[in-house]
Amino acid sequence: MKVSELMKKAIVVDGNISAKEAARIMSEKAIGSLIVIKNERIAGIITERDILKNIDKLGSKLSQIMSKNVITISPKQSVDEAASTMAENKIKRLPVVEHNEILGIITATDILAHSDALNEDFMVE
């Protein structure tokens, strides 16, 4: 199974919004992360955990508390590769990017939710 088959829409925000605003967006959309962009490129990612770790800095700009050096994956790569990348880097979310364009995001939860289908694919190969 390819990453493109499991990925979901990524919500993208500017790094100049506040952590409080990011928390509000995540809450409204029932999501656990936002992709932060600058000049139409990924500058970082902000997660619920980042906000909780910086609860005393809710007025801060996202660019001050986001995780930088974001690891991404191609939509053509396998879900197996996505899971391995997450495990190796101890992360739970991978933005899906092709030709510098953000296409979506795949999470550990997405992979776990489809583990039955993945196991079937694995057995067939």
Protein backbone atom coordinates (compact mmCIF):
# COMPACT_ATOMS: atom_id res chain seq x y z
CA MET A 1 0.00 0.00 0.00
CA LYS A 2 1.29 3.45 -0.93
CA VAL A 3 1.40 6.52 1.30
CA SER A 4 -0.93 8.31 -1.14
CA GLU A 5 -3.67 5.77 -0.30
CA LEU A 6 -3.63 6.57 3.44
CA MET A 7 -2.63 10.21 3.67
CA LYS A 8 -5.07 12.85 4.82
CA LYS A 9 -5.33 16.53 4.07
CA ALA A 10 -2.71 18.56 5.91
CA ILE A 11 -3.68 21.87 7.46
CA VAL A 12 -1.09 24.54 6.73
CA VAL A 13 -0.50 27.72 8.74
CA ASP A 14 1.91 30.64 8.84
CA GLY A 15 4.63 30.63 11.50
CA ASN A 16 3.59 34.09 12.69
CA ILE A 17 0.34 32.93 14.28
CA SER A 18 0.36 32.34 18.01
CA ALA A 19 0.54 28.97 19.71
CA LYS A 20 -2.88 29.76 21.17
CA GLU A 21 -4.34 30.26 17.69
CA ALA A 22 -2.70 26.99 16.53
CA ALA A 23 -4.26 25.17 19.50
CA ARG A 24 -7.67 26.61 18.59
CA ILE A 25 -7.32 25.46 14.97
CA MET A 26 -6.25 21.96 16.02
CA SER A 27 -9.15 21.74 18.46
CA GLU A 28 -11.74 22.95 15.92
CA LYS A 29 -10.51 20.57 13.24
CA ALA A 30 -9.89 17.67 15.68
CA ILE A 31 -6.32 17.19 14.46
CA GLY A 32 -3.03 16.72 16.26
CA SER A 33 -0.69 18.84 14.14
CA LEU A 34 -0.29 21.72 11.74
CA ILE A 35 2.31 22.19 9.02
CA VAL A 36 4.02 25.57 9.31
CA ILE A 37 5.06 27.18 6.05
CA LYS A 38 7.28 30.08 5.09
CA ASN A 39 7.71 31.21 1.49
CA GLU A 40 5.52 28.28 0.36
CA ARG A 41 7.92 25.74 1.89
CA ILE A 42 7.70 23.65 5.05
CA ALA A 43 9.39 25.55 7.86
CA GLY A 44 8.22 23.30 10.67
CA ILE A 45 5.49 21.28 12.27
CA ILE A 46 3.58 22.01 15.46
CA THR A 47 1.93 19.22 17.40
CA GLU A 48 -0.31 18.97 20.44
CA ARG A 49 2.74 17.84 22.38
CA ASP A 50 4.72 20.94 21.32
CA ILE A 51 1.90 23.16 22.57
CA LEU A 52 1.60 21.28 25.87
CA LYS A 53 5.38 21.50 26.42
CA ASN A 54 5.13 25.25 25.83
CA ILE A 55 1.85 25.93 27.63
CA ASP A 56 3.42 28.96 29.32
CA LYS A 57 4.22 30.42 25.86
CA LEU A 58 0.76 30.41 24.25
CA GLY A 59 1.30 33.99 23.10
CA SER A 60 4.51 33.04 21.29
CA LYS A 61 4.74 32.77 17.54
CA LEU A 62 4.68 29.23 16.22
CA SER A 63 8.05 29.78 14.62
CA GLN A 64 9.52 30.00 18.15
CA ILE A 65 8.17 26.67 19.42
CA MET A 66 7.62 24.48 16.33
CA SER A 67 9.76 21.48 15.49
CA LYS A 68 12.09 22.36 12.64
CA ASN A 69 13.96 20.13 10.16
CA VAL A 70 10.77 18.31 9.26
CA ILE A 71 11.15 14.83 7.78
CA THR A 72 8.83 14.26 4.82
CA ILE A 73 7.85 11.34 2.61
CA SER A 74 6.82 10.90 -1.02
CA PRO A 75 3.27 9.79 -1.84
CA LYS A 76 4.79 6.99 -3.94
CA GLN A 77 6.63 5.40 -1.02
CA SER A 78 5.12 2.43 0.77
CA VAL A 79 3.31 2.66 4.07
CA ASP A 80 5.95 0.24 5.35
CA GLU A 81 8.63 2.84 4.54
CA ALA A 82 6.57 5.51 6.29
CA ALA A 83 6.30 3.35 9.42
CA SER A 84 10.05 2.65 9.35
CA THR A 85 10.86 6.34 8.94
CA MET A 86 8.62 7.22 11.87
CA ALA A 87 10.17 4.53 14.07
CA GLU A 88 13.77 5.47 13.15
CA ASN A 89 13.16 9.15 13.85
CA LYS A 90 10.81 8.68 16.83
CA ILE A 91 8.07 10.76 15.22
CA LYS A 92 4.36 10.16 14.67
CA ARG A 93 3.62 12.35 11.65
CA LEU A 94 5.09 12.68 8.17
CA PRO A 95 4.08 15.43 5.76
CA VAL A 96 3.64 14.01 2.26
CA VAL A 97 5.53 16.12 -0.27
CA GLU A 98 6.18 15.90 -4.00
CA HIS A 99 8.01 18.52 -6.08
CA ASN A 100 8.12 20.82 -3.01
CA GLU A 101 4.30 20.74 -2.81
CA ILE A 102 2.56 19.61 0.38
CA LEU A 103 0.03 16.97 -0.64
CA GLY A 104 -1.06 15.71 2.77
CA ILE A 105 0.09 14.05 5.97
CA ILE A 106 0.31 10.46 7.18
CA THR A 107 0.30 9.62 10.88
CA ALA A 108 1.10 6.60 13.00
CA THR A 109 -2.62 6.49 13.85
CA ASP A 110 -3.49 6.27 10.13
CA ILE A 111 -1.11 3.35 9.75
CA LEU A 112 -2.45 1.54 12.82
CA ALA A 113 -6.05 2.06 11.72
CA HIS A 114 -5.26 0.24 8.47
CA SER A 115 -2.99 -2.43 9.89
CA ASP A 116 -5.35 -5.27 8.89
CA ALA A 117 -5.19 -4.23 5.23
CA LEU A 118 -1.43 -3.76 5.50
CA ASN A 119 -0.99 -7.26 6.93
CA GLU A 120 -2.98 -8.69 4.02
CA ASP A 121 -0.76 -6.81 1.56
CA PHE A 122 2.31 -8.09 3.36
CA MET A 123 1.13 -11.70 3.18
CA VAL A 124 0.38 -11.48 -0.55
CA GLU A 125 3.81 -10.14 -1.49
